[in-house]
Amino acid sequence: MGPPPARHGSHVFRSQAAEQPPNYLWMGCADSRVPPNLVVGLEPDEIFVHRNVANVVSPSDGNVMAVLQFAVDVLKVANFIVCGHYGCGGVRASLEPQQAGPLGMWIDQVAAIGRRHVAELKQLEPEQRLRRPCELNAPAQVHTLAETEIINRTWDRQQPVYLHGWIYDLHTGLLNDLGVDVEREVL
């Protein structure tokens, strides 16, 4: 089985081959129903993308940190978007009894968020009980991102970096700003 046929004309690929000038880093879920470029309406060269299960920002994960370092040091990206989505399978799995293996280790950070909010979640209707953890996860990941050495070093050298927490609704196709915006004043 070969690759699927390209959907863009060759002129698109020629222009993209010249440079990669993104102003955004999308840190989102690996869910195939959430294609970052389509969700935000940007061309492929306008957004640098990192995806993983449940849009986790893990300072101990070499891949996450390498993407982050490349974004700030090489591409000079200014806006970092951590975007979750309703119906996230990784978030849902974090609410279930302990997962084993690599998945369990990966989503443990998300499970901890659910444990911190267990009283709130128990009071919600069943549908909201699945939506609310998704809304809690993205801001928590933004705050983890803000605490990374890479972001703090970037702020220390007065390079502007802005962190945002969003959530995507699969049913409506709308992005919602969760009101989590973190920046450090550049002097």
N, C-alpha and C. Protein backbone atom coordinates (compact mmCIF):
# COMPACT_ATOMS: atom_id res chain seq x y z
N MET A 1 0.85 -1.18 0.00
CA MET A 1 0.00 0.00 0.00
C MET A 1 0.89 1.24 0.00
N GLY A 2 0.71 2.10 -0.95
CA GLY A 2 1.49 3.32 -1.05
C GLY A 2 0.81 4.47 -0.34
N PRO A 3 1.45 5.62 -0.35
CA PRO A 3 0.86 6.80 0.29
C PRO A 3 -0.36 7.27 -0.49
N PRO A 4 -1.28 7.95 0.20
CA PRO A 4 -2.44 8.49 -0.51
C PRO A 4 -2.00 9.61 -1.44
N PRO A 5 -2.77 9.89 -2.48
CA PRO A 5 -2.40 10.97 -3.40
C PRO A 5 -2.45 12.33 -2.71
N ALA A 6 -1.57 13.22 -3.14
CA ALA A 6 -1.54 14.57 -2.58
C ALA A 6 -2.81 15.31 -2.97
N ARG A 7 -3.28 16.13 -2.05
CA ARG A 7 -4.51 16.90 -2.30
C ARG A 7 -4.23 18.33 -2.72
N HIS A 8 -2.98 18.73 -2.65
CA HIS A 8 -2.61 20.09 -3.02
C HIS A 8 -1.83 20.06 -4.32
N GLY A 9 -1.86 21.16 -5.04
CA GLY A 9 -1.05 21.27 -6.24
C GLY A 9 0.41 21.41 -5.88
N SER A 10 1.28 21.17 -6.85
CA SER A 10 2.72 21.22 -6.58
C SER A 10 3.18 22.61 -6.17
N HIS A 11 2.44 23.67 -6.55
CA HIS A 11 2.83 25.03 -6.15
C HIS A 11 2.79 25.19 -4.63
N VAL A 12 1.88 24.50 -3.96
CA VAL A 12 1.80 24.57 -2.51
C VAL A 12 3.05 23.99 -1.89
N PHE A 13 3.49 22.85 -2.39
CA PHE A 13 4.67 22.20 -1.83
C PHE A 13 5.93 22.99 -2.13
N ARG A 14 6.03 23.61 -3.31
CA ARG A 14 7.20 24.42 -3.62
C ARG A 14 7.31 25.60 -2.67
N SER A 15 6.20 26.26 -2.37
CA SER A 15 6.24 27.41 -1.47
C SER A 15 6.57 26.97 -0.05
N GLN A 16 6.10 25.80 0.36
CA GLN A 16 6.39 25.30 1.70
C GLN A 16 7.84 24.85 1.83
N ALA A 17 8.42 24.38 0.75
CA ALA A 17 9.79 23.89 0.80
C ALA A 17 10.78 25.02 1.04
N ALA A 18 10.41 26.24 0.70
CA ALA A 18 11.32 27.38 0.82
C ALA A 18 11.66 27.70 2.28
N GLU A 19 10.69 27.70 3.16
CA GLU A 19 10.92 28.05 4.56
C GLU A 19 9.77 27.57 5.42
N GLN A 20 9.98 27.63 6.73
CA GLN A 20 8.95 27.27 7.68
C GLN A 20 8.84 28.41 8.68
N PRO A 21 7.96 29.38 8.45
CA PRO A 21 7.90 30.54 9.33
C PRO A 21 6.70 30.55 10.29
N PRO A 22 6.41 29.47 11.00
CA PRO A 22 5.19 29.48 11.81
C PRO A 22 5.26 30.45 12.98
N ASN A 23 4.13 31.03 13.31
CA ASN A 23 4.02 31.88 14.48
C ASN A 23 3.35 31.15 15.62
N TYR A 24 2.92 29.91 15.37
CA TYR A 24 2.17 29.14 16.36
C TYR A 24 2.76 27.74 16.53
N LEU A 25 2.77 27.27 17.78
CA LEU A 25 3.02 25.87 18.06
C LEU A 25 1.73 25.31 18.63
N TRP A 26 1.19 24.30 17.98
CA TRP A 26 -0.01 23.61 18.42
C TRP A 26 0.42 22.37 19.18
N MET A 27 0.04 22.29 20.43
CA MET A 27 0.30 21.10 21.24
C MET A 27 -1.06 20.49 21.53
N GLY A 28 -1.43 19.52 20.72
CA GLY A 28 -2.77 18.96 20.80
C GLY A 28 -2.78 17.46 20.88
N CYS A 29 -3.98 16.94 20.89
CA CYS A 29 -4.18 15.50 20.98
C CYS A 29 -3.90 14.84 19.63
N ALA A 30 -3.49 13.59 19.70
CA ALA A 30 -3.21 12.82 18.49
C ALA A 30 -4.47 12.33 17.80
N ASP A 31 -5.63 12.60 18.36
CA ASP A 31 -6.90 12.15 17.80
C ASP A 31 -7.03 12.60 16.34
N SER A 32 -7.31 11.66 15.46
CA SER A 32 -7.38 11.95 14.02
C SER A 32 -8.55 12.84 13.65
N ARG A 33 -9.49 13.03 14.56
CA ARG A 33 -10.65 13.90 14.28
C ARG A 33 -10.34 15.37 14.52
N VAL A 34 -9.14 15.67 14.97
CA VAL A 34 -8.77 17.05 15.29
C VAL A 34 -7.54 17.46 14.48
N PRO A 35 -7.71 17.74 13.18
CA PRO A 35 -6.57 18.16 12.35
C PRO A 35 -6.25 19.64 12.59
N PRO A 36 -5.12 19.94 13.21
CA PRO A 36 -4.82 21.31 13.62
C PRO A 36 -4.98 22.36 12.53
N ASN A 37 -4.43 22.12 11.34
CA ASN A 37 -4.51 23.13 10.28
C ASN A 37 -5.95 23.46 9.92
N LEU A 38 -6.77 22.43 9.83
CA LEU A 38 -8.17 22.66 9.48
C LEU A 38 -8.93 23.33 10.61
N VAL A 39 -8.64 22.94 11.84
CA VAL A 39 -9.34 23.49 13.00
C VAL A 39 -9.11 25.00 13.11
N VAL A 40 -7.87 25.45 12.88
CA VAL A 40 -7.57 26.87 13.02
C VAL A 40 -7.57 27.63 11.70
N GLY A 41 -7.71 26.92 10.59
CA GLY A 41 -7.78 27.57 9.29
C GLY A 41 -6.46 28.14 8.81
N LEU A 42 -5.36 27.49 9.14
CA LEU A 42 -4.04 27.95 8.72
C LEU A 42 -3.42 26.98 7.73
N GLU A 43 -2.51 27.48 6.92
CA GLU A 43 -1.77 26.64 6.00
C GLU A 43 -0.75 25.82 6.79
N PRO A 44 -0.29 24.71 6.23
CA PRO A 44 0.67 23.86 6.95
C PRO A 44 1.94 24.58 7.42
N ASP A 45 2.43 25.56 6.66
CA ASP A 45 3.66 26.23 7.07
C ASP A 45 3.43 27.34 8.09
N GLU A 46 2.18 27.58 8.47
CA GLU A 46 1.88 28.64 9.42
C GLU A 46 1.77 28.15 10.86
N ILE A 47 1.78 26.84 11.05
CA ILE A 47 1.62 26.29 12.39
C ILE A 47 2.50 25.05 12.55
N PHE A 48 3.33 25.08 13.58
CA PHE A 48 4.20 23.96 13.92
C PHE A 48 3.37 23.07 14.85
N VAL A 49 3.40 21.77 14.64
CA VAL A 49 2.45 20.88 15.32
C VAL A 49 3.16 19.78 16.11
N HIS A 50 2.70 19.61 17.34
CA HIS A 50 3.08 18.46 18.16
C HIS A 50 1.80 17.84 18.70
N ARG A 51 1.67 16.53 18.51
CA ARG A 51 0.46 15.85 18.98
C ARG A 51 0.83 14.61 19.77
N ASN A 52 0.05 14.36 20.81
CA ASN A 52 0.19 13.13 21.58
C ASN A 52 -1.14 12.81 22.26
N VAL A 53 -1.22 11.67 22.89
CA VAL A 53 -2.45 11.27 23.57
C VAL A 53 -2.77 12.26 24.68
N ALA A 54 -3.95 12.85 24.63
CA ALA A 54 -4.48 13.76 25.66
C ALA A 54 -3.72 15.07 25.79
N ASN A 55 -3.04 15.50 24.74
CA ASN A 55 -2.30 16.76 24.71
C ASN A 55 -1.52 17.03 26.00
N VAL A 56 -0.74 16.05 26.41
CA VAL A 56 0.05 16.13 27.64
C VAL A 56 1.35 16.88 27.38
N VAL A 57 1.67 17.82 28.27
CA VAL A 57 2.96 18.49 28.26
C VAL A 57 3.76 17.87 29.39
N SER A 58 4.67 16.98 29.04
CA SER A 58 5.45 16.27 30.05
C SER A 58 6.91 16.71 29.99
N PRO A 59 7.38 17.43 31.02
CA PRO A 59 8.77 17.87 31.03
C PRO A 59 9.78 16.73 31.02
N SER A 60 9.34 15.53 31.35
CA SER A 60 10.26 14.39 31.33
C SER A 60 10.27 13.66 29.99
N ASP A 61 9.44 14.10 29.04
CA ASP A 61 9.39 13.45 27.73
C ASP A 61 10.32 14.18 26.76
N GLY A 62 11.31 13.47 26.26
CA GLY A 62 12.28 14.07 25.35
C GLY A 62 11.67 14.60 24.08
N ASN A 63 10.65 13.94 23.55
CA ASN A 63 10.03 14.40 22.32
C ASN A 63 9.31 15.72 22.54
N VAL A 64 8.53 15.82 23.60
CA VAL A 64 7.81 17.06 23.90
C VAL A 64 8.81 18.20 24.07
N MET A 65 9.87 17.96 24.83
CA MET A 65 10.84 19.02 25.10
C MET A 65 11.66 19.39 23.86
N ALA A 66 11.95 18.42 23.00
CA ALA A 66 12.68 18.72 21.76
C ALA A 66 11.83 19.60 20.84
N VAL A 67 10.55 19.29 20.73
CA VAL A 67 9.64 20.11 19.92
C VAL A 67 9.58 21.53 20.49
N LEU A 68 9.46 21.63 21.78
CA LEU A 68 9.39 22.93 22.44
C LEU A 68 10.67 23.73 22.21
N GLN A 69 11.82 23.10 22.39
CA GLN A 69 13.09 23.78 22.18
C GLN A 69 13.26 24.21 20.72
N PHE A 70 12.90 23.36 19.79
CA PHE A 70 13.00 23.70 18.37
C PHE A 70 12.09 24.89 18.05
N ALA A 71 10.90 24.89 18.64
CA ALA A 71 9.96 25.99 18.39
C ALA A 71 10.50 27.33 18.87
N VAL A 72 11.10 27.36 20.07
CA VAL A 72 11.57 28.65 20.59
C VAL A 72 12.95 29.03 20.07
N ASP A 73 13.86 28.07 19.97
CA ASP A 73 15.24 28.40 19.62
C ASP A 73 15.47 28.52 18.12
N VAL A 74 14.82 27.70 17.33
CA VAL A 74 15.06 27.69 15.89
C VAL A 74 13.99 28.48 15.14
N LEU A 75 12.73 28.16 15.41
CA LEU A 75 11.63 28.80 14.67
C LEU A 75 11.20 30.14 15.24
N LYS A 76 11.56 30.40 16.50
CA LYS A 76 11.18 31.65 17.18
C LYS A 76 9.66 31.83 17.23
N VAL A 77 8.97 30.75 17.50
CA VAL A 77 7.51 30.78 17.62
C VAL A 77 7.13 31.64 18.82
N ALA A 78 6.09 32.45 18.68
CA ALA A 78 5.66 33.32 19.77
C ALA A 78 4.42 32.81 20.50
N ASN A 79 3.54 32.12 19.81
CA ASN A 79 2.28 31.68 20.41
C ASN A 79 2.22 30.17 20.53
N PHE A 80 2.01 29.70 21.75
CA PHE A 80 1.95 28.28 22.05
C PHE A 80 0.52 27.95 22.46
N ILE A 81 -0.10 27.08 21.71
CA ILE A 81 -1.50 26.72 21.95
C ILE A 81 -1.55 25.28 22.45
N VAL A 82 -2.06 25.09 23.65
CA VAL A 82 -2.36 23.75 24.14
C VAL A 82 -3.85 23.58 23.92
N CYS A 83 -4.20 22.66 23.03
CA CYS A 83 -5.60 22.50 22.67
C CYS A 83 -6.08 21.08 22.96
N GLY A 84 -7.06 21.00 23.84
CA GLY A 84 -7.73 19.73 24.10
C GLY A 84 -8.97 19.64 23.24
N HIS A 85 -9.72 18.58 23.43
CA HIS A 85 -10.99 18.46 22.71
C HIS A 85 -11.96 17.62 23.52
N TYR A 86 -13.24 17.94 23.35
CA TYR A 86 -14.28 17.14 24.00
C TYR A 86 -14.30 15.76 23.37
N GLY A 87 -14.57 14.75 24.18
CA GLY A 87 -14.59 13.39 23.68
C GLY A 87 -13.21 12.77 23.58
N CYS A 88 -12.23 13.33 24.29
CA CYS A 88 -10.85 12.83 24.22
C CYS A 88 -10.76 11.45 24.87
N GLY A 89 -10.32 10.48 24.09
CA GLY A 89 -10.18 9.12 24.59
C GLY A 89 -9.11 9.00 25.67
N GLY A 90 -8.04 9.78 25.56
CA GLY A 90 -7.00 9.76 26.57
C GLY A 90 -7.48 10.29 27.91
N VAL A 91 -8.25 11.37 27.87
CA VAL A 91 -8.82 11.92 29.10
C VAL A 91 -9.81 10.92 29.69
N ARG A 92 -10.65 10.35 28.84
CA ARG A 92 -11.62 9.35 29.31
C ARG A 92 -10.90 8.16 29.96
N ALA A 93 -9.83 7.69 29.33
CA ALA A 93 -9.06 6.57 29.89
C ALA A 93 -8.46 6.93 31.25
N SER A 94 -8.11 8.20 31.43
CA SER A 94 -7.51 8.62 32.70
C SER A 94 -8.52 8.57 33.85
N LEU A 95 -9.81 8.57 33.53
CA LEU A 95 -10.86 8.52 34.55
C LEU A 95 -11.20 7.10 34.96
N GLU A 96 -10.72 6.14 34.21
CA GLU A 96 -11.02 4.74 34.48
C GLU A 96 -9.96 4.16 35.42
N PRO A 97 -10.22 2.95 35.94
CA PRO A 97 -9.21 2.34 36.82
C PRO A 97 -7.84 2.33 36.16
N GLN A 98 -6.83 2.29 37.00
CA GLN A 98 -5.43 2.38 36.56
C GLN A 98 -5.15 1.66 35.25
N GLN A 99 -4.62 2.39 34.29
CA GLN A 99 -4.19 1.83 33.02
C GLN A 99 -2.78 1.26 33.20
N ALA A 100 -2.50 0.18 32.52
CA ALA A 100 -1.17 -0.44 32.61
C ALA A 100 -0.28 0.03 31.47
N GLY A 101 1.01 -0.20 31.61
CA GLY A 101 1.97 0.02 30.54
C GLY A 101 2.22 1.48 30.22
N PRO A 102 2.73 1.73 29.02
CA PRO A 102 3.08 3.10 28.62
C PRO A 102 1.89 4.06 28.65
N LEU A 103 0.70 3.59 28.27
CA LEU A 103 -0.47 4.48 28.30
C LEU A 103 -0.75 4.93 29.72
N GLY A 104 -0.70 4.01 30.66
CA GLY A 104 -0.95 4.36 32.06
C GLY A 104 0.04 5.39 32.58
N MET A 105 1.31 5.19 32.24
CA MET A 105 2.33 6.15 32.67
C MET A 105 2.09 7.51 32.03
N TRP A 106 1.70 7.50 30.75
CA TRP A 106 1.51 8.75 30.02
C TRP A 106 0.33 9.55 30.56
N ILE A 107 -0.80 8.90 30.81
CA ILE A 107 -2.00 9.64 31.22
C ILE A 107 -2.11 9.80 32.73
N ASP A 108 -1.12 9.34 33.48
CA ASP A 108 -1.16 9.51 34.93
C ASP A 108 -1.25 10.98 35.31
N GLN A 109 -0.58 11.84 34.57
CA GLN A 109 -0.64 13.28 34.82
C GLN A 109 -2.08 13.79 34.66
N VAL A 110 -2.79 13.27 33.67
CA VAL A 110 -4.19 13.66 33.44
C VAL A 110 -5.07 13.07 34.54
N ALA A 111 -4.80 11.83 34.94
CA ALA A 111 -5.57 11.20 36.02
C ALA A 111 -5.44 12.00 37.31
N ALA A 112 -4.26 12.55 37.57
CA ALA A 112 -4.04 13.36 38.77
C ALA A 112 -4.92 14.60 38.76
N ILE A 113 -5.14 15.18 37.60
CA ILE A 113 -6.03 16.34 37.48
C ILE A 113 -7.44 15.93 37.87
N GLY A 114 -7.89 14.80 37.37
CA GLY A 114 -9.22 14.29 37.72
C GLY A 114 -9.36 14.02 39.21
N ARG A 115 -8.32 13.47 39.82
CA ARG A 115 -8.36 13.20 41.27
C ARG A 115 -8.46 14.49 42.07
N ARG A 116 -7.80 15.54 41.61
CA ARG A 116 -7.86 16.83 42.33
C ARG A 116 -9.25 17.45 42.25
N HIS A 117 -10.03 17.07 41.26
CA HIS A 117 -11.35 17.66 41.05
C HIS A 117 -12.48 16.65 41.24
N VAL A 118 -12.22 15.57 41.95
CA VAL A 118 -13.19 14.48 42.05
C VAL A 118 -14.51 14.95 42.66
N ALA A 119 -14.49 15.81 43.66
CA ALA A 119 -15.74 16.29 44.28
C ALA A 119 -16.58 17.06 43.27
N GLU A 120 -15.94 17.93 42.50
CA GLU A 120 -16.66 18.69 41.47
C GLU A 120 -17.24 17.76 40.41
N LEU A 121 -16.46 16.79 39.96
CA LEU A 121 -16.89 15.89 38.89
C LEU A 121 -18.06 15.01 39.33
N LYS A 122 -18.08 14.60 40.59
CA LYS A 122 -19.16 13.74 41.09
C LYS A 122 -20.51 14.45 41.07
N GLN A 123 -20.51 15.77 41.15
CA GLN A 123 -21.75 16.54 41.18
C GLN A 123 -22.34 16.79 39.79
N LEU A 124 -21.59 16.47 38.75
CA LEU A 124 -22.03 16.78 37.39
C LEU A 124 -22.88 15.66 36.80
N GLU A 125 -23.71 16.05 35.83
CA GLU A 125 -24.47 15.07 35.05
C GLU A 125 -23.48 14.21 34.26
N PRO A 126 -23.87 12.98 33.90
CA PRO A 126 -22.94 12.07 33.22
C PRO A 126 -22.24 12.67 31.99
N GLU A 127 -22.97 13.38 31.13
CA GLU A 127 -22.33 13.95 29.94
C GLU A 127 -21.29 15.00 30.32
N GLN A 128 -21.63 15.85 31.28
CA GLN A 128 -20.69 16.88 31.74
C GLN A 128 -19.51 16.26 32.46
N ARG A 129 -19.72 15.11 33.08
CA ARG A 129 -18.65 14.41 33.80
C ARG A 129 -17.55 13.97 32.83
N LEU A 130 -17.89 13.83 31.55
CA LEU A 130 -16.88 13.49 30.54
C LEU A 130 -16.31 14.74 29.87
N ARG A 131 -17.09 15.82 29.83
CA ARG A 131 -16.62 17.06 29.19
C ARG A 131 -15.70 17.88 30.11
N ARG A 132 -16.08 17.98 31.36
CA ARG A 132 -15.35 18.85 32.29
C ARG A 132 -13.87 18.46 32.44
N PRO A 133 -13.52 17.18 32.54
CA PRO A 133 -12.10 16.84 32.63
C PRO A 133 -11.29 17.32 31.42
N CYS A 134 -11.91 17.35 30.25
CA CYS A 134 -11.23 17.87 29.06
C CYS A 134 -10.95 19.36 29.22
N GLU A 135 -11.91 20.07 29.83
CA GLU A 135 -11.73 21.50 30.08
C GLU A 135 -10.68 21.77 31.16
N LEU A 136 -10.53 20.86 32.08
CA LEU A 136 -9.53 21.01 33.14
C LEU A 136 -8.12 20.65 32.67
N ASN A 137 -8.03 19.72 31.74
CA ASN A 137 -6.74 19.23 31.29
C ASN A 137 -5.93 20.28 30.54
N ALA A 138 -6.53 20.95 29.56
CA ALA A 138 -5.76 21.91 28.75
C ALA A 138 -5.14 23.02 29.61
N PRO A 139 -5.88 23.67 30.52
CA PRO A 139 -5.25 24.69 31.36
C PRO A 139 -4.13 24.13 32.24
N ALA A 140 -4.32 22.92 32.75
CA ALA A 140 -3.26 22.31 33.57
C ALA A 140 -2.00 22.11 32.74
N GLN A 141 -2.17 21.72 31.48
CA GLN A 141 -1.01 21.52 30.60
C GLN A 141 -0.35 22.86 30.27
N VAL A 142 -1.15 23.92 30.13
CA VAL A 142 -0.58 25.26 29.89
C VAL A 142 0.30 25.66 31.08
N HIS A 143 -0.19 25.41 32.28
CA HIS A 143 0.59 25.77 33.47
C HIS A 143 1.87 24.93 33.57
N THR A 144 1.78 23.66 33.19
CA THR A 144 2.99 22.83 33.15
C THR A 144 3.98 23.39 32.14
N LEU A 145 3.47 23.79 30.98
CA LEU A 145 4.31 24.39 29.94
C LEU A 145 5.01 25.65 30.46
N ALA A 146 4.26 26.48 31.20
CA ALA A 146 4.82 27.72 31.74
C ALA A 146 5.92 27.46 32.76
N GLU A 147 5.93 26.29 33.36
CA GLU A 147 6.93 25.96 34.37
C GLU A 147 8.17 25.29 33.78
N THR A 148 8.16 24.98 32.49
CA THR A 148 9.31 24.29 31.91
C THR A 148 10.53 25.22 31.86
N GLU A 149 11.68 24.60 31.96
CA GLU A 149 12.94 25.35 31.90
C GLU A 149 13.06 26.06 30.55
N ILE A 150 12.62 25.41 29.49
CA ILE A 150 12.75 25.99 28.14
C ILE A 150 11.96 27.29 28.03
N ILE A 151 10.72 27.29 28.48
CA ILE A 151 9.90 28.51 28.40
C ILE A 151 10.47 29.58 29.32
N ASN A 152 10.87 29.23 30.51
CA ASN A 152 11.41 30.23 31.43
C ASN A 152 12.72 30.82 30.94
N ARG A 153 13.56 30.00 30.35
CA ARG A 153 14.81 30.51 29.75
C ARG A 153 14.49 31.47 28.61
N THR A 154 13.46 31.16 27.85
CA THR A 154 13.05 32.02 26.73
C THR A 154 12.56 33.36 27.26
N TRP A 155 11.74 33.33 28.29
CA TRP A 155 11.29 34.58 28.91
C TRP A 155 12.47 35.35 29.50
N ASP A 156 13.42 34.65 30.12
CA ASP A 156 14.57 35.32 30.73
C ASP A 156 15.39 36.09 29.69
N ARG A 157 15.45 35.59 28.47
CA ARG A 157 16.20 36.31 27.43
C ARG A 157 15.30 37.29 26.68
N GLN A 158 14.13 37.53 27.25
CA GLN A 158 13.18 38.53 26.77
C GLN A 158 12.65 38.26 25.37
N GLN A 159 12.55 37.00 25.03
CA GLN A 159 11.92 36.59 23.78
C GLN A 159 10.43 36.44 24.07
N PRO A 160 9.57 37.14 23.33
CA PRO A 160 8.14 37.05 23.63
C PRO A 160 7.56 35.67 23.34
N VAL A 161 6.91 35.11 24.34
CA VAL A 161 6.24 33.83 24.23
C VAL A 161 4.92 33.94 24.97
N TYR A 162 3.84 33.54 24.31
CA TYR A 162 2.50 33.61 24.88
C TYR A 162 1.89 32.22 24.85
N LEU A 163 1.34 31.80 25.98
CA LEU A 163 0.76 30.47 26.11
C LEU A 163 -0.75 30.57 26.20
N HIS A 164 -1.45 29.71 25.47
CA HIS A 164 -2.91 29.76 25.40
C HIS A 164 -3.50 28.37 25.62
N GLY A 165 -4.65 28.31 26.27
CA GLY A 165 -5.37 27.06 26.46
C GLY A 165 -6.71 27.10 25.76
N TRP A 166 -6.91 26.19 24.82
CA TRP A 166 -8.14 26.13 24.04
C TRP A 166 -8.73 24.73 24.10
N ILE A 167 -9.99 24.64 23.68
CA ILE A 167 -10.63 23.33 23.55
C ILE A 167 -11.46 23.32 22.28
N TYR A 168 -11.46 22.19 21.61
CA TYR A 168 -12.17 22.02 20.35
C TYR A 168 -13.39 21.14 20.58
N ASP A 169 -14.51 21.58 20.04
CA ASP A 169 -15.75 20.81 20.16
C ASP A 169 -15.98 20.04 18.86
N LEU A 170 -15.86 18.73 18.94
CA LEU A 170 -16.02 17.88 17.75
C LEU A 170 -17.41 17.99 17.14
N HIS A 171 -18.42 18.25 17.96
CA HIS A 171 -19.80 18.29 17.46
C HIS A 171 -20.14 19.59 16.74
N THR A 172 -19.55 20.69 17.18
CA THR A 172 -19.88 21.98 16.56
C THR A 172 -18.78 22.46 15.61
N GLY A 173 -17.58 21.92 15.76
CA GLY A 173 -16.45 22.38 14.95
C GLY A 173 -15.89 23.70 15.44
N LEU A 174 -16.25 24.10 16.65
CA LEU A 174 -15.80 25.39 17.17
C LEU A 174 -14.66 25.24 18.16
N LEU A 175 -13.75 26.19 18.11
CA LEU A 175 -12.68 26.30 19.10
C LEU A 175 -13.15 27.25 20.19
N ASN A 176 -12.88 26.90 21.42
CA ASN A 176 -13.24 27.77 22.54
C ASN A 176 -11.99 28.12 23.33
N ASP A 177 -11.82 29.40 23.60
CA ASP A 177 -10.72 29.86 24.43
C ASP A 177 -11.10 29.59 25.88
N LEU A 178 -10.27 28.87 26.60
CA LEU A 178 -10.56 28.53 27.99
C LEU A 178 -10.16 29.64 28.96
N GLY A 179 -9.73 30.77 28.43
CA GLY A 179 -9.37 31.90 29.29
C GLY A 179 -8.07 31.70 30.04
N VAL A 180 -7.22 30.83 29.53
CA VAL A 180 -5.93 30.56 30.16
C VAL A 180 -4.87 31.11 29.22
N ASP A 181 -4.38 32.28 29.53
CA ASP A 181 -3.34 32.91 28.73
C ASP A 181 -2.21 33.28 29.68
N VAL A 182 -1.02 32.79 29.40
CA VAL A 182 0.12 33.03 30.28
C VAL A 182 1.22 33.69 29.46
N GLU A 183 1.75 34.76 30.02
CA GLU A 183 2.88 35.44 29.40
C GLU A 183 3.70 36.08 30.51
N ARG A 184 4.92 36.37 30.21
CA ARG A 184 5.75 37.12 31.14
C ARG A 184 6.03 38.46 30.48
N GLU A 185 5.88 39.50 31.24
CA GLU A 185 6.16 40.83 30.70
C GLU A 185 7.60 40.89 30.22
N VAL A 186 7.78 41.37 29.00
CA VAL A 186 9.12 41.56 28.45
C VAL A 186 9.53 42.98 28.76
N LEU A 187 10.63 43.12 29.49
CA LEU A 187 11.07 44.46 29.91
C LEU A 187 11.84 45.16 28.83
